[in-house]
PDB file of N, CA and C in Angstrom:
ATOM      1  N   MET A   1     -11.954  -4.706  -0.364  1.00  0.00           N
ATOM      2  CA  MET A   1     -10.538  -4.583  -0.893  1.00  0.00           C
ATOM      3  C   MET A   1     -10.026  -3.081   0.361  1.00  0.00           C
ATOM      4  N   GLY A   2     -11.158  -2.241   0.856  1.00  0.00           N
ATOM      5  CA  GLY A   2     -10.795  -1.508   1.893  1.00  0.00           C
ATOM      6  C   GLY A   2     -10.431  -1.619   3.172  1.00  0.00           C
ATOM      7  N   VAL A   3     -10.825  -3.072   3.320  1.00  0.00           N
ATOM      8  CA  VAL A   3     -10.151  -3.660   4.435  1.00  0.00           C
ATOM      9  C   VAL A   3      -8.879  -3.888   4.710  1.00  0.00           C
ATOM     10  N   MET A   4      -8.428  -4.231   3.162  1.00  0.00           N
ATOM     11  CA  MET A   4      -6.606  -4.534   2.798  1.00  0.00           C
ATOM     12  C   MET A   4      -5.883  -2.926   2.786  1.00  0.00           C
ATOM     13  N   ILE A   5      -6.257  -2.137   2.403  1.00  0.00           N
ATOM     14  CA  ILE A   5      -6.121  -0.954   2.157  1.00  0.00           C
ATOM     15  C   ILE A   5      -5.349  -0.408   3.465  1.00  0.00           C
ATOM     16  N   GLY A   6      -5.887  -0.446   4.412  1.00  0.00           N
ATOM     17  CA  GLY A   6      -5.606   0.046   5.909  1.00  0.00           C
ATOM     18  C   GLY A   6      -4.830  -0.312   6.534  1.00  0.00           C
ATOM     19  N   PRO A   7      -4.362  -1.701   6.716  1.00  0.00           N
ATOM     20  CA  PRO A   7      -3.318  -2.299   7.126  1.00  0.00           C
ATOM     21  C   PRO A   7      -2.295  -1.929   6.674  1.00  0.00           C
ATOM     22  N   MET A   8      -2.509  -2.250   5.081  1.00  0.00           N
ATOM     23  CA  MET A   8      -1.423  -1.908   4.444  1.00  0.00           C
ATOM     24  C   MET A   8      -0.548  -0.572   3.933  1.00  0.00           C
ATOM     25  N   ALA A   9      -1.335   0.866   4.150  1.00  0.00           N
ATOM     26  CA  ALA A   9      -1.016   1.437   5.027  1.00  0.00           C
ATOM     27  C   ALA A   9      -0.207   2.179   6.105  1.00  0.00           C
ATOM     28  N   LEU A  10      -0.774   1.472   6.604  1.00  0.00           N
ATOM     29  CA  LEU A  10      -0.493   2.086   8.528  1.00  0.00           C
ATOM     30  C   LEU A  10       0.445   1.419   8.879  1.00  0.00           C
ATOM     31  N   GLN A  11       0.759   0.125   8.704  1.00  0.00           N
ATOM     32  CA  GLN A  11       1.904  -0.695   8.958  1.00  0.00           C
ATOM     33  C   GLN A  11       3.167   0.601   8.673  1.00  0.00           C
ATOM     34  N   PRO A  12       3.597   0.356   7.998  1.00  0.00           N
ATOM     35  CA  PRO A  12       4.582   1.218   7.737  1.00  0.00           C
ATOM     36  C   PRO A  12       4.492   2.835   8.419  1.00  0.00           C
ATOM     37  N   VAL A  13       3.607   3.418   7.979  1.00  0.00           N
ATOM     38  CA  VAL A  13       3.733   4.550   8.751  1.00  0.00           C
ATOM     39  C   VAL A  13       3.973   4.390  10.047  1.00  0.00           C
ATOM     40  N   MET A  14       3.279   3.587  10.934  1.00  0.00           N
ATOM     41  CA  MET A  14       3.706   3.400  11.992  1.00  0.00           C
ATOM     42  C   MET A  14       4.794   3.324  12.635  1.00  0.00           C
ATOM     43  N   GLY A  15       5.439   2.066  11.410  1.00  0.00           N
ATOM     44  CA  GLY A  15       6.784   2.137  11.848  1.00  0.00           C
ATOM     45  C   GLY A  15       7.521   3.224  11.858  1.00  0.00           C
ATOM     46  N   TRP A  16       7.425   4.194  10.791  1.00  0.00           N
ATOM     47  CA  TRP A  16       8.107   4.995  10.805  1.00  0.00           C
ATOM     48  C   TRP A  16       7.931   6.042  11.686  1.00  0.00           C
ATOM     49  N   ILE A  17       7.220   6.406  12.361  1.00  0.00           N
ATOM     50  CA  ILE A  17       6.372   7.189  13.681  1.00  0.00           C
ATOM     51  C   ILE A  17       7.966   6.419  14.798  1.00  0.00           C
ATOM     52  N   LEU A  18       7.214   5.124  14.543  1.00  0.00           N
ATOM     53  CA  LEU A  18       8.574   4.667  15.605  1.00  0.00           C
ATOM     54  C   LEU A  18       9.971   4.713  15.812  1.00  0.00           C
ATOM     55  N   ASP A  19      10.555   4.631  14.501  1.00  0.00           N
ATOM     56  CA  ASP A  19      11.815   4.882  14.126  1.00  0.00           C
ATOM     57  C   ASP A  19      12.000   6.242  14.506  1.00  0.00           C
ATOM     58  N   ARG A  20      11.493   7.089  13.953  1.00  0.00           N
ATOM     59  CA  ARG A  20      11.316   8.741  14.597  1.00  0.00           C
ATOM     60  C   ARG A  20      11.716   8.866  15.775  1.00  0.00           C
ATOM     61  N   SER A  21      10.895   8.235  16.403  1.00  0.00           N
ATOM     62  CA  SER A  21      11.229   8.508  17.882  1.00  0.00           C
ATOM     63  C   SER A  21      12.111   7.541  18.803  1.00  0.00           C
ATOM     64  N   TRP A  22      12.659   6.906  18.017  1.00  0.00           N
ATOM     65  CA  TRP A  22      13.444   5.865  18.778  1.00  0.00           C
ATOM     66  C   TRP A  22      15.093   6.286  19.442  1.00  0.00           C
ATOM     67  N   ASN A  23      14.884   6.159  20.538  1.00  0.00           N
ATOM     68  CA  ASN A  23      16.581   7.034  21.250  1.00  0.00           C
ATOM     69  C   ASN A  23      17.665   6.022  20.820  1.00  0.00           C
ATOM     70  N   GLY A  24      17.879   5.006  20.336  1.00  0.00           N
ATOM     71  CA  GLY A  24      18.490   3.986  19.899  1.00  0.00           C
ATOM     72  C   GLY A  24      19.015   3.035  20.897  1.00  0.00           C
ATOM     73  N   THR A  25      17.769   2.741  22.021  1.00  0.00           N
ATOM     74  CA  THR A  25      18.123   1.950  23.037  1.00  0.00           C
ATOM     75  C   THR A  25      18.113   0.546  22.133  1.00  0.00           C
ATOM     76  N   MET A  26      18.833  -0.569  22.512  1.00  0.00           N
ATOM     77  CA  MET A  26      19.087  -1.931  21.465  1.00  0.00           C
ATOM     78  C   MET A  26      18.691  -3.005  22.840  1.00  0.00           C
ATOM     79  N   GLU A  27      18.352  -4.058  22.836  1.00  0.00           N
ATOM     80  CA  GLU A  27      18.446  -5.109  23.377  1.00  0.00           C
ATOM     81  C   GLU A  27      18.248  -6.722  22.322  1.00  0.00           C
ATOM     82  N   SER A  28      19.463  -7.213  22.543  1.00  0.00           N
ATOM     83  CA  SER A  28      19.194  -8.291  21.877  1.00  0.00           C
ATOM     84  C   SER A  28      19.296  -8.178  20.807  1.00  0.00           C
ATOM     85  N   GLY A  29      19.340  -7.033  20.041  1.00  0.00           N
ATOM     86  CA  GLY A  29      19.774  -6.874  18.432  1.00  0.00           C
ATOM     87  C   GLY A  29      18.364  -6.673  18.314  1.00  0.00           C
ATOM     88  N   ILE A  30      17.520  -6.081  18.981  1.00  0.00           N
ATOM     89  CA  ILE A  30      15.960  -5.398  19.118  1.00  0.00           C
ATOM     90  C   ILE A  30      15.682  -4.282  19.254  1.00  0.00           C
ATOM     91  N   LYS A  31      15.177  -2.731  18.778  1.00  0.00           N
ATOM     92  CA  LYS A  31      14.706  -1.827  19.176  1.00  0.00           C
ATOM     93  C   LYS A  31      13.522  -1.800  20.303  1.00  0.00           C
ATOM     94  N   ILE A  32      13.870  -1.148  21.120  1.00  0.00           N
ATOM     95  CA  ILE A  32      13.468  -0.500  22.389  1.00  0.00           C
ATOM     96  C   ILE A  32      12.604   0.351  21.983  1.00  0.00           C
ATOM     97  N   TYR A  33      11.529   0.894  22.534  1.00  0.00           N
ATOM     98  CA  TYR A  33      11.007   1.846  22.278  1.00  0.00           C
ATOM     99  C   TYR A  33      10.187   2.628  23.307  1.00  0.00           C
ATOM    100  N   HIS A  34      10.096   4.299  23.860  1.00  0.00           N
ATOM    101  CA  HIS A  34       9.634   4.158  24.897  1.00  0.00           C
ATOM    102  C   HIS A  34       7.867   4.542  24.528  1.00  0.00           C
ATOM    103  N   LEU A  35       7.452   4.745  26.160  1.00  0.00           N
ATOM    104  CA  LEU A  35       5.869   4.635  25.631  1.00  0.00           C
ATOM    105  C   LEU A  35       5.557   5.715  24.932  1.00  0.00           C
ATOM    106  N   GLY A  36       6.150   7.200  25.064  1.00  0.00           N
ATOM    107  CA  GLY A  36       5.634   8.228  23.535  1.00  0.00           C
ATOM    108  C   GLY A  36       5.560   7.805  22.160  1.00  0.00           C
ATOM    109  N   ALA A  37       6.377   6.652  22.297  1.00  0.00           N
ATOM    110  CA  ALA A  37       6.345   6.566  20.722  1.00  0.00           C
ATOM    111  C   ALA A  37       5.238   5.622  20.339  1.00  0.00           C
ATOM    112  N   TYR A  38       4.985   4.695  21.252  1.00  0.00           N
ATOM    113  CA  TYR A  38       3.519   3.652  21.114  1.00  0.00           C
ATOM    114  C   TYR A  38       2.530   4.392  21.275  1.00  0.00           C
ATOM    115  N   ARG A  39       2.437   5.595  21.805  1.00  0.00           N
ATOM    116  CA  ARG A  39       1.408   6.147  22.062  1.00  0.00           C
ATOM    117  C   ARG A  39       1.307   7.192  20.832  1.00  0.00           C
ATOM    118  N   SER A  40       2.166   7.862  20.131  1.00  0.00           N
ATOM    119  CA  SER A  40       2.102   8.524  19.072  1.00  0.00           C
ATOM    120  C   SER A  40       1.505   7.552  18.072  1.00  0.00           C
ATOM    121  N   ALA A  41       1.740   6.511  17.786  1.00  0.00           N
ATOM    122  CA  ALA A  41       1.353   5.214  16.385  1.00  0.00           C
ATOM    123  C   ALA A  41       0.324   4.792  17.031  1.00  0.00           C
ATOM    124  N   PHE A  42      -0.397   4.971  17.957  1.00  0.00           N
ATOM    125  CA  PHE A  42      -1.756   3.731  18.310  1.00  0.00           C
ATOM    126  C   PHE A  42      -2.829   5.311  18.072  1.00  0.00           C
ATOM    127  N   THR A  43      -2.170   6.511  18.406  1.00  0.00           N
ATOM    128  CA  THR A  43      -3.157   7.712  18.079  1.00  0.00           C
ATOM    129  C   THR A  43      -3.474   7.327  16.527  1.00  0.00           C
ATOM    130  N   LEU A  44      -2.290   7.609  15.776  1.00  0.00           N
ATOM    131  CA  LEU A  44      -2.507   7.388  14.173  1.00  0.00           C
ATOM    132  C   LEU A  44      -3.891   6.113  14.089  1.00  0.00           C
ATOM    133  N   MET A  45      -3.512   5.081  14.892  1.00  0.00           N
ATOM    134  CA  MET A  45      -4.720   4.339  14.576  1.00  0.00           C
ATOM    135  C   MET A  45      -5.933   4.408  14.853  1.00  0.00           C
ATOM    136  N   MET A  46      -5.955   4.963  16.289  1.00  0.00           N
ATOM    137  CA  MET A  46      -7.088   5.809  16.482  1.00  0.00           C
ATOM    138  C   MET A  46      -8.139   6.851  15.543  1.00  0.00           C
ATOM    139  N   ALA A  47      -7.218   7.559  15.547  1.00  0.00           N
ATOM    140  CA  ALA A  47      -7.266   9.006  13.822  1.00  0.00           C
ATOM    141  C   ALA A  47      -7.978   7.789  12.985  1.00  0.00           C
ATOM    142  N   TRP A  48      -7.594   6.675  12.194  1.00  0.00           N
ATOM    143  CA  TRP A  48      -7.683   5.675  11.392  1.00  0.00           C
ATOM    144  C   TRP A  48      -9.044   5.781  11.526  1.00  0.00           C
ATOM    145  N   SER A  49      -9.335   4.604  12.675  1.00  0.00           N
ATOM    146  CA  SER A  49     -10.718   4.109  13.031  1.00  0.00           C
ATOM    147  C   SER A  49     -11.947   5.131  13.207  1.00  0.00           C
ATOM    148  N   ILE A  50     -11.490   6.523  14.010  1.00  0.00           N
ATOM    149  CA  ILE A  50     -12.248   7.143  13.798  1.00  0.00           C
ATOM    150  C   ILE A  50     -13.198   7.873  12.215  1.00  0.00           C
ATOM    151  N   LEU A  51     -11.832   7.987  11.517  1.00  0.00           N
ATOM    152  CA  LEU A  51     -11.917   8.396  10.224  1.00  0.00           C
ATOM    153  C   LEU A  51     -13.174   7.256   9.636  1.00  0.00           C
ATOM    154  N   SER A  52     -12.643   5.838   9.757  1.00  0.00           N
ATOM    155  CA  SER A  52     -13.579   4.445   9.349  1.00  0.00           C
ATOM    156  C   SER A  52     -15.308   4.916   9.589  1.00  0.00           C
ATOM    157  N   ALA A  53     -15.515   5.138  10.875  1.00  0.00           N
ATOM    158  CA  ALA A  53     -16.311   5.511  11.463  1.00  0.00           C
ATOM    159  C   ALA A  53     -17.315   6.261  10.868  1.00  0.00           C
ATOM    160  N   VAL A  54     -16.869   7.744  10.795  1.00  0.00           N
ATOM    161  CA  VAL A  54     -17.143   8.925  10.029  1.00  0.00           C
ATOM    162  C   VAL A  54     -17.835   8.171   8.665  1.00  0.00           C
ATOM    163  N   LEU A  55     -16.910   7.644   8.103  1.00  0.00           N
ATOM    164  CA  LEU A  55     -17.283   7.657   6.702  1.00  0.00           C
ATOM    165  C   LEU A  55     -18.498   6.582   6.018  1.00  0.00           C
ATOM    166  N   ILE A  56     -18.703   5.545   7.096  1.00  0.00           N
ATOM    167  CA  ILE A  56     -19.141   4.485   6.897  1.00  0.00           C
ATOM    168  C   ILE A  56     -20.537   4.923   6.938  1.00  0.00           C
ATOM    169  N   CYS A  57     -21.060   6.385   8.006  1.00  0.00           N
ATOM    170  CA  CYS A  57     -21.835   6.918   7.840  1.00  0.00           C
ATOM    171  C   CYS A  57     -22.452   7.283   6.699  1.00  0.00           C
ATOM    172  N   PHE A  58     -21.587   7.529   5.632  1.00  0.00           N
ATOM    173  CA  PHE A  58     -21.984   7.960   4.380  1.00  0.00           C
ATOM    174  C   PHE A  58     -22.381   6.801   3.325  1.00  0.00           C
ATOM    175  N   THR A  59     -22.680   5.696   3.516  1.00  0.00           N
ATOM    176  CA  THR A  59     -22.948   4.323   3.002  1.00  0.00           C
ATOM    177  C   THR A  59     -24.228   4.116   2.975  1.00  0.00           C
ATOM    178  N   THR A  60     -24.634   3.478   1.711  1.00  0.00           N
ATOM    179  CA  THR A  60     -26.119   2.925   2.062  1.00  0.00           C
ATOM    180  C   THR A  60     -26.520   1.509   2.218  1.00  0.00           C
ATOM    181  N   GLU A  61     -27.668   1.129   2.519  1.00  0.00           N
ATOM    182  CA  GLU A  61     -27.627  -0.284   2.841  1.00  0.00           C
ATOM    183  C   GLU A  61     -28.442  -0.551   1.484  1.00  0.00           C
ATOM    184  N   THR A  62     -28.067  -1.628   0.970  1.00  0.00           N
ATOM    185  CA  THR A  62     -28.792  -2.143  -0.300  1.00  0.00           C
ATOM    186  C   THR A  62     -29.493  -3.288   0.105  1.00  0.00           C
ATOM    187  N   ASN A  63     -29.318  -3.983   1.124  1.00  0.00           N
ATOM    188  CA  ASN A  63     -30.283  -5.127   1.672  1.00  0.00           C
ATOM    189  C   ASN A  63     -30.236  -6.231   0.317  1.00  0.00           C
ATOM    190  N   CYS A  64     -28.890  -6.645   0.107  1.00  0.00           N
ATOM    191  CA  CYS A  64     -28.401  -7.477  -1.183  1.00  0.00           C
ATOM    192  C   CYS A  64     -28.834  -7.432  -2.633  1.00  0.00           C
ATOM    193  N   ARG A  65     -28.873  -5.937  -2.973  1.00  0.00           N
ATOM    194  CA  ARG A  65     -30.080  -5.722  -4.237  1.00  0.00           C
ATOM    195  C   ARG A  65     -29.327  -4.952  -4.813  1.00  0.00           C
ATOM    196  N   GLN A  66     -29.099  -5.227  -6.218  1.00  0.00           N
ATOM    197  CA  GLN A  66     -28.502  -4.531  -7.048  1.00  0.00           C
ATOM    198  C   GLN A  66     -28.805  -2.741  -7.143  1.00  0.00           C
ATOM    199  N   MET A  67     -27.559  -2.284  -6.904  1.00  0.00           N
ATOM    200  CA  MET A  67     -28.308  -0.604  -6.946  1.00  0.00           C
ATOM    201  C   MET A  67     -28.332   0.058  -8.734  1.00  0.00           C
ATOM    202  N   VAL A  68     -29.423   0.156  -9.185  1.00  0.00           N
ATOM    203  CA  VAL A  68     -29.406   0.709 -10.797  1.00  0.00           C
ATOM    204  C   VAL A  68     -29.326   2.562 -10.288  1.00  0.00           C
ATOM    205  N   GLU A  69     -28.532   2.938 -11.170  1.00  0.00           N
ATOM    206  CA  GLU A  69     -27.957   4.325 -11.220  1.00  0.00           C
ATOM    207  C   GLU A  69     -28.194   4.818 -12.663  1.00  0.00           C
TER     208      GLU A  69
END
């Protein structure tokens, strides 16, 4: 489930970041973004990946056994 939540949340946010920094340039009806816009959007992905790596440290291995609480 968590594998699907990340991309579901990141895609619209990355689009919003790209659109915020768009300077109005279009070619053949396609928006052209500058390098800084992509850098900002992919920085968000890097931060999300780092957060995922940190959070995985707090999980425990169950060795395919049910955990009884």
